[in-house]
Protein backbone atom coordinates (compact mmCIF):
# COMPACT_ATOMS: atom_id res chain seq x y z
CA MET A 1 108.87 116.61 84.91
CA LYS A 2 105.64 114.99 86.08
CA ARG A 3 102.24 116.63 86.43
CA VAL A 4 100.89 115.27 89.69
CA ALA A 5 97.57 115.51 91.50
CA ILE A 6 97.46 114.39 95.15
CA THR A 7 94.19 113.90 97.00
CA GLY A 8 94.11 114.34 100.77
CA ALA A 9 97.01 116.78 100.42
CA ASN A 10 96.13 118.37 103.76
CA GLY A 11 96.81 115.08 105.56
CA PHE A 12 100.02 113.70 107.02
CA ILE A 13 101.01 111.48 104.08
CA GLY A 14 99.43 113.67 101.42
CA SER A 15 101.33 116.76 102.56
CA SER A 16 104.58 114.75 102.67
CA LEU A 17 104.01 113.73 99.05
CA VAL A 18 103.29 117.33 98.03
CA LYS A 19 106.66 118.35 99.48
CA SER A 20 108.48 115.38 97.92
CA PHE A 21 107.19 115.89 94.37
CA THR A 22 107.53 119.68 94.55
CA ASN A 23 111.17 119.31 95.63
CA SER A 24 111.68 116.97 92.67
CA GLY A 25 110.67 119.76 90.31
CA ASP A 26 107.29 118.30 89.41
CA THR A 27 104.10 120.28 88.88
CA VAL A 28 101.82 119.48 91.83
CA LYS A 29 98.13 120.02 92.49
CA ALA A 30 97.39 119.64 96.19
CA LEU A 31 93.76 118.59 96.36
CA MET A 32 91.72 118.92 99.53
CA ARG A 33 88.17 119.46 100.65
CA LYS A 34 86.95 123.01 101.26
CA ASN A 35 87.75 124.37 104.73
CA SER A 36 90.37 121.67 105.39
CA SER A 37 93.32 122.65 107.55
CA GLN A 38 96.24 123.84 105.44
CA GLU A 39 98.85 123.89 108.22
CA LEU A 40 100.94 121.05 106.73
CA ILE A 41 101.22 122.62 103.26
CA ASP A 42 104.10 125.08 102.91
CA ASP A 43 103.22 126.44 99.47
CA LYS A 44 99.56 127.49 99.58
CA SER A 45 99.63 128.33 95.86
CA LEU A 46 99.52 124.58 95.11
CA ILE A 47 96.22 124.07 96.94
CA ILE A 48 93.03 123.32 95.03
CA GLU A 49 89.87 122.96 97.11
CA ILE A 50 87.52 120.43 95.58
CA ASP A 51 84.37 118.42 96.16
CA TYR A 52 85.52 114.87 95.47
CA THR A 53 81.97 113.83 94.60
CA ASP A 54 81.83 116.40 91.77
CA LYS A 55 82.88 114.37 88.73
CA THR A 56 82.97 117.42 86.47
CA ALA A 57 85.37 119.24 88.80
CA LEU A 58 87.56 116.15 89.18
CA THR A 59 87.69 115.68 85.43
CA ALA A 60 88.80 119.29 84.93
CA VAL A 61 91.51 119.04 87.59
CA LEU A 62 92.91 115.80 86.15
CA SER A 63 92.67 116.85 82.49
CA ASP A 64 96.35 117.83 82.29
CA CYS A 65 97.83 115.40 84.85
CA ASP A 66 99.77 112.24 84.13
CA LEU A 67 99.80 110.97 87.74
CA LEU A 68 97.11 110.83 90.44
CA ILE A 69 98.04 109.72 93.96
CA HIS A 70 94.98 109.05 96.07
CA THR A 71 95.66 109.38 99.80
CA ALA A 72 92.33 110.84 100.98
CA ALA A 73 90.81 108.31 103.39
CA LEU A 74 89.53 107.68 106.87
CA THR A 75 91.80 105.65 109.17
CA LYS A 76 89.35 105.89 112.08
CA ALA A 77 85.56 106.01 112.06
CA ARG A 78 82.69 105.21 114.41
CA THR A 79 80.69 103.15 111.89
CA TRP A 80 81.18 101.02 108.79
CA ASN A 81 79.04 103.48 106.79
CA GLU A 82 81.58 106.24 107.41
CA PHE A 83 84.35 104.05 106.00
CA GLN A 84 82.07 103.10 103.10
CA ARG A 85 81.44 106.70 102.05
CA THR A 86 85.07 107.85 102.12
CA ASN A 87 87.23 104.78 101.55
CA ILE A 88 85.03 102.95 99.04
CA ASP A 89 82.47 105.22 97.39
CA LEU A 90 85.07 107.91 96.71
CA VAL A 91 87.37 105.39 95.01
CA GLU A 92 84.46 104.26 92.84
CA THR A 93 83.89 107.87 91.79
CA ILE A 94 87.56 108.47 91.03
CA VAL A 95 87.78 105.31 88.93
CA GLU A 96 84.76 106.43 86.88
CA VAL A 97 86.42 109.80 86.25
CA LEU A 98 89.75 108.21 85.33
CA ASN A 99 88.04 105.87 82.88
CA SER A 100 86.39 108.84 81.18
CA LEU A 101 89.65 110.68 80.51
CA GLU A 102 90.98 110.64 76.96
CA HIS A 103 94.63 110.62 77.99
CA THR A 104 96.65 108.10 80.00
CA ILE A 105 97.09 108.80 83.69
CA HIS A 106 98.82 106.60 86.25
CA PHE A 107 96.65 106.00 89.32
CA ILE A 108 98.50 105.24 92.56
CA PHE A 109 96.19 104.16 95.37
CA LEU A 110 97.49 104.35 98.91
CA SER A 111 96.04 101.31 100.62
CA SER A 112 97.31 99.76 103.85
CA GLN A 113 98.92 96.68 105.32
CA ALA A 114 95.57 96.34 107.12
CA ALA A 115 93.96 95.37 103.80
CA GLY A 116 96.11 92.25 103.62
CA GLY A 117 95.78 91.39 107.30
CA MET A 118 98.16 89.29 109.35
CA ALA A 119 100.60 86.79 107.94
CA GLU A 120 100.51 83.16 108.93
CA LYS A 121 102.72 82.24 111.85
CA GLY A 122 106.39 81.93 110.95
CA ARG A 123 106.25 83.66 107.56
CA LEU A 124 106.07 87.10 105.96
CA ALA A 125 102.90 88.35 104.31
CA LYS A 126 103.17 88.62 100.54
CA GLU A 127 101.07 90.46 98.00
CA CYS A 128 99.88 87.17 96.49
CA ASP A 129 98.43 85.92 99.81
CA ILE A 130 94.67 85.74 100.28
CA PRO A 131 93.78 88.94 102.17
CA LYS A 132 92.34 88.56 105.66
CA PRO A 133 91.68 92.06 107.03
CA LEU A 134 90.65 92.21 110.68
CA THR A 135 89.07 95.66 110.94
CA TRP A 136 86.51 97.82 109.16
CA TYR A 137 89.37 100.02 108.01
CA GLY A 138 91.28 97.12 106.49
CA LYS A 139 88.13 95.71 104.90
CA SER A 140 87.22 99.07 103.39
CA LYS A 141 90.68 99.39 101.86
CA LEU A 142 90.46 95.87 100.45
CA VAL A 143 87.08 96.58 98.84
CA ALA A 144 88.57 99.72 97.28
CA GLU A 145 91.52 97.69 95.96
CA GLN A 146 89.13 95.25 94.31
CA ILE A 147 87.17 98.06 92.66
CA ILE A 148 90.40 99.35 91.14
CA LYS A 149 91.46 95.91 89.94
CA ASP A 150 88.05 95.14 88.44
CA LYS A 151 87.08 98.48 86.95
CA CYS A 152 90.01 100.84 86.37
CA SER A 153 91.06 100.95 82.72
CA GLN A 154 93.98 103.28 83.41
CA PRO A 155 97.36 101.95 84.62
CA TRP A 156 97.13 101.58 88.39
CA THR A 157 99.37 100.70 91.30
CA ILE A 158 98.26 99.75 94.81
CA ILE A 159 100.68 100.41 97.67
CA ARG A 160 100.15 98.91 101.13
CA PRO A 161 102.38 100.76 103.60
CA VAL A 162 102.87 99.48 107.13
CA SER A 163 102.59 101.88 110.09
CA VAL A 164 103.80 105.30 108.92
CA TYR A 165 105.38 107.87 111.24
CA GLY A 166 107.01 111.26 110.76
CA PRO A 167 106.45 115.01 110.93
CA GLY A 168 102.74 115.87 111.01
CA GLU A 169 101.59 112.42 112.19
CA LYS A 170 99.19 112.51 115.16
CA ASP A 171 98.88 108.90 116.40
CA PHE A 172 102.59 108.27 116.99
CA LEU A 173 102.68 111.75 118.52
CA GLN A 174 101.12 110.17 121.61
CA TYR A 175 104.38 108.30 122.28
CA PHE A 176 106.26 111.60 122.38
CA LYS A 177 103.64 113.20 124.63
CA MET A 178 103.84 110.31 127.10
CA VAL A 179 107.62 110.41 127.20
CA LYS A 180 107.49 114.17 127.77
CA LYS A 181 105.45 113.32 130.86
CA HIS A 182 108.14 110.75 131.83
CA LEU A 183 105.94 107.76 131.02
CA GLY A 184 106.89 104.94 128.69
CA LEU A 185 103.89 102.70 128.05
CA SER A 186 104.03 99.46 126.08
CA ILE A 187 101.11 97.14 125.39
CA GLY A 188 101.07 93.37 125.81
CA LYS A 189 103.84 91.00 124.86
CA GLN A 190 106.41 92.30 122.45
CA LYS A 191 105.86 91.37 118.80
CA LEU A 192 107.83 91.98 115.64
CA VAL A 193 106.46 94.66 113.33
CA ASN A 194 107.54 96.81 110.40
CA PHE A 195 107.66 100.61 110.20
CA ILE A 196 108.18 103.18 107.48
CA SER A 197 108.75 106.91 107.76
CA ALA A 198 106.83 109.39 105.63
CA ASP A 199 110.01 110.29 103.71
CA GLU A 200 110.77 106.62 103.04
CA LEU A 201 107.22 106.10 101.79
CA CYS A 202 107.55 109.11 99.50
CA ASP A 203 110.75 107.63 98.07
CA PHE A 204 108.89 104.37 97.46
CA ILE A 205 106.04 106.16 95.67
CA GLN A 206 108.52 108.15 93.58
CA LEU A 207 110.02 104.86 92.35
CA ALA A 208 106.58 103.56 91.38
CA SER A 209 105.39 106.75 89.69
CA LEU A 210 104.97 106.41 85.91
CA ASN A 211 106.96 103.18 86.14
CA PRO A 212 105.53 100.53 83.78
CA LYS A 213 106.94 97.83 86.07
CA ALA A 214 104.55 99.05 88.76
CA TYR A 215 101.44 99.04 86.55
CA ARG A 216 98.66 96.72 87.72
CA GLU A 217 100.71 95.61 90.71
CA VAL A 218 100.25 95.57 94.50
CA PHE A 219 103.20 96.31 96.79
CA PHE A 220 103.83 96.20 100.51
CA ALA A 221 106.07 99.04 101.69
CA HIS A 222 108.33 99.29 104.75
CA ASP A 223 111.88 100.35 105.60
CA GLY A 224 113.39 96.88 105.16
CA LYS A 225 113.75 95.98 108.82
CA ALA A 226 111.77 94.10 111.47
CA TYR A 227 111.43 95.74 114.88
CA PHE A 228 110.04 94.85 118.24
CA GLN A 229 107.14 97.17 119.06
CA GLU A 230 109.13 98.53 121.98
CA ASP A 231 112.00 99.61 119.70
CA PHE A 232 109.98 102.65 118.63
CA LEU A 233 109.38 103.71 122.23
CA ASP A 234 113.04 103.08 123.08
CA ALA A 235 114.13 105.36 120.24
CA VAL A 236 111.73 108.12 121.32
CA ILE A 237 113.07 107.93 124.89
CA GLU A 238 116.67 108.05 123.65
CA VAL A 239 116.01 111.01 121.35
CA MET A 240 114.11 113.00 123.98
CA GLN A 241 116.74 112.19 126.64
CA GLY A 242 114.27 112.16 129.49
CA THR A 243 113.91 110.09 132.64
CA THR A 244 111.04 107.72 131.93
CA PHE A 245 109.02 105.37 134.06
CA ARG A 246 108.42 102.22 132.03
CA MET A 247 105.26 100.19 132.39
CA SER A 248 103.42 97.55 130.39
CA LEU A 249 99.67 97.36 129.88
CA GLN A 250 98.27 93.85 129.50
CA GLU A 251 96.17 93.34 126.36
CA MET A 252 93.13 92.26 128.40
CA LEU A 253 93.08 95.74 130.00
CA LEU A 254 92.61 97.31 126.58
CA TYR A 255 88.95 96.31 126.55
CA PRO A 256 87.84 98.55 129.45
CA VAL A 257 90.06 101.32 128.07
CA ALA A 258 88.41 100.96 124.66
CA ALA A 259 84.94 100.91 126.23
CA VAL A 260 85.56 104.22 128.01
CA SER A 261 87.22 105.67 124.92
CA GLU A 262 84.32 104.72 122.66
CA LEU A 263 81.85 106.17 125.15
CA PHE A 264 83.61 109.53 125.00
CA GLY A 265 83.77 109.18 121.22
CA ALA A 266 80.02 108.62 121.06
CA ILE A 267 79.40 111.71 123.22
CA LYS A 268 81.70 113.87 121.09
CA LYS A 269 80.65 112.10 117.87
CA LYS A 270 84.29 111.56 116.93
CA PRO A 271 86.34 108.37 116.37
CA THR A 272 88.96 107.56 118.99
CA LEU A 273 92.51 106.22 118.82
CA ILE A 274 91.79 103.26 121.12
CA ASN A 275 88.64 101.37 120.14
CA PHE A 276 87.40 97.82 119.80
CA GLN A 277 88.38 97.72 116.12
CA LYS A 278 91.94 98.75 116.95
CA ILE A 279 92.21 96.05 119.63
CA LYS A 280 91.83 93.42 116.89
CA GLU A 281 95.08 94.70 115.37
CA PHE A 282 96.83 95.01 118.75
CA LYS A 283 96.10 91.34 119.39
CA GLY A 284 97.44 90.27 115.99
CA GLU A 285 100.42 87.94 116.31
CA ASN A 286 102.25 88.49 113.02
CA TRP A 287 102.30 91.86 111.26
CA LEU A 288 105.47 91.31 109.26
CA CYS A 289 105.37 91.56 105.47
CA SER A 290 107.81 91.11 102.59
CA ILE A 291 109.11 93.86 100.29
CA GLU A 292 110.96 91.45 97.99
CA LYS A 293 108.54 92.23 95.17
CA ALA A 294 109.36 95.94 95.41
CA ARG A 295 113.08 95.16 95.56
CA ARG A 296 112.79 93.08 92.40
CA LEU A 297 110.46 95.24 90.29
CA LEU A 298 111.14 98.75 91.55
CA ASP A 299 114.76 98.43 92.63
CA TYR A 300 113.65 99.54 96.10
CA HIS A 301 116.52 99.17 98.58
CA PRO A 302 115.77 101.21 101.72
CA GLN A 303 118.36 102.01 104.37
CA ALA A 304 116.50 101.79 107.68
CA ASN A 305 117.34 104.58 110.14
CA LEU A 306 114.66 104.60 112.82
CA LYS A 307 116.52 106.75 115.34
CA LYS A 308 117.38 109.53 112.85
CA ASN A 309 113.84 109.61 111.51
CA ILE A 310 112.41 109.79 115.04
CA SER A 311 114.90 112.56 115.87
CA ASP A 312 113.75 114.54 112.81
CA THR A 313 110.13 113.96 113.80
CA TYR A 314 110.78 115.15 117.35
CA LYS A 315 112.42 118.35 116.07
CA TRP A 316 109.42 119.01 113.81
CA TYR A 317 106.96 118.49 116.69
CA LYS A 318 108.89 120.98 118.82
CA GLU A 319 109.30 123.56 116.05
CA HIS A 320 105.58 123.44 115.29
CA GLN A 321 104.64 123.47 118.98
CA TRP A 322 102.93 120.09 118.90
CA LEU A 323 104.95 119.16 121.97
């Protein structure tokens, strides 16, 4: 039985990990900031509200844990400074606390494919490639990775998942909302990409947890299959069984959409889903990566099942009245 602390436990991936490790019989501490939404956590008794900048509080929480999974992060922000405070400064603080502990604790950092950036044309990105992040988000994750590599004295593992979908996720939810309105929108020319569901990512992290073969290693994570971007939309349409009007938005039209979106974001002082940073990723030509390292070291052999996972996600959205 593992003693696990999970930061960002109120979030989509964090809450999925809380459920996964709890179901495995592990002792879980679900860490989140005060006043965070708790709607994705089933067992409220696991919740510990904490100020992540309080090193004394962090030290106390981690004093009896043998695994820390750090998922707390910003995926969208209006400025680089916002990414700096949450995605970089917080990691620096956590590393300092981990280094001060007298016992061994495995630190798993949830990074992103965005930290590695695109692969060169005609090949899969590998963990040993020179990272070339395109966005502030990817760059902030890469800086955090380097802090861990350079400064963390505890055993660490960095995991770079590709796009993650599943129950509780809000960006992919937009596909379901469009299809509910009988609209199927795709963007630009179709490119090959990788996906991973939240449950598949949890399985991956379980394999890495307290596994000496994962110590001081970086791993890409996906479900083992390459998809066309439109495959996700096709599966949503099939699962929802609705009549859908299909249309394609040219990439060049994303710029005026992003301009309007960012204007509204500035007025509301909130980051938006479509923005100029995100367009850099939309325009990327090759977002495929290799999981051969995980297959070899972690015995990770996923069985891709996009349609079933999307069906389960759709049921969750309906049950929780998100659709």
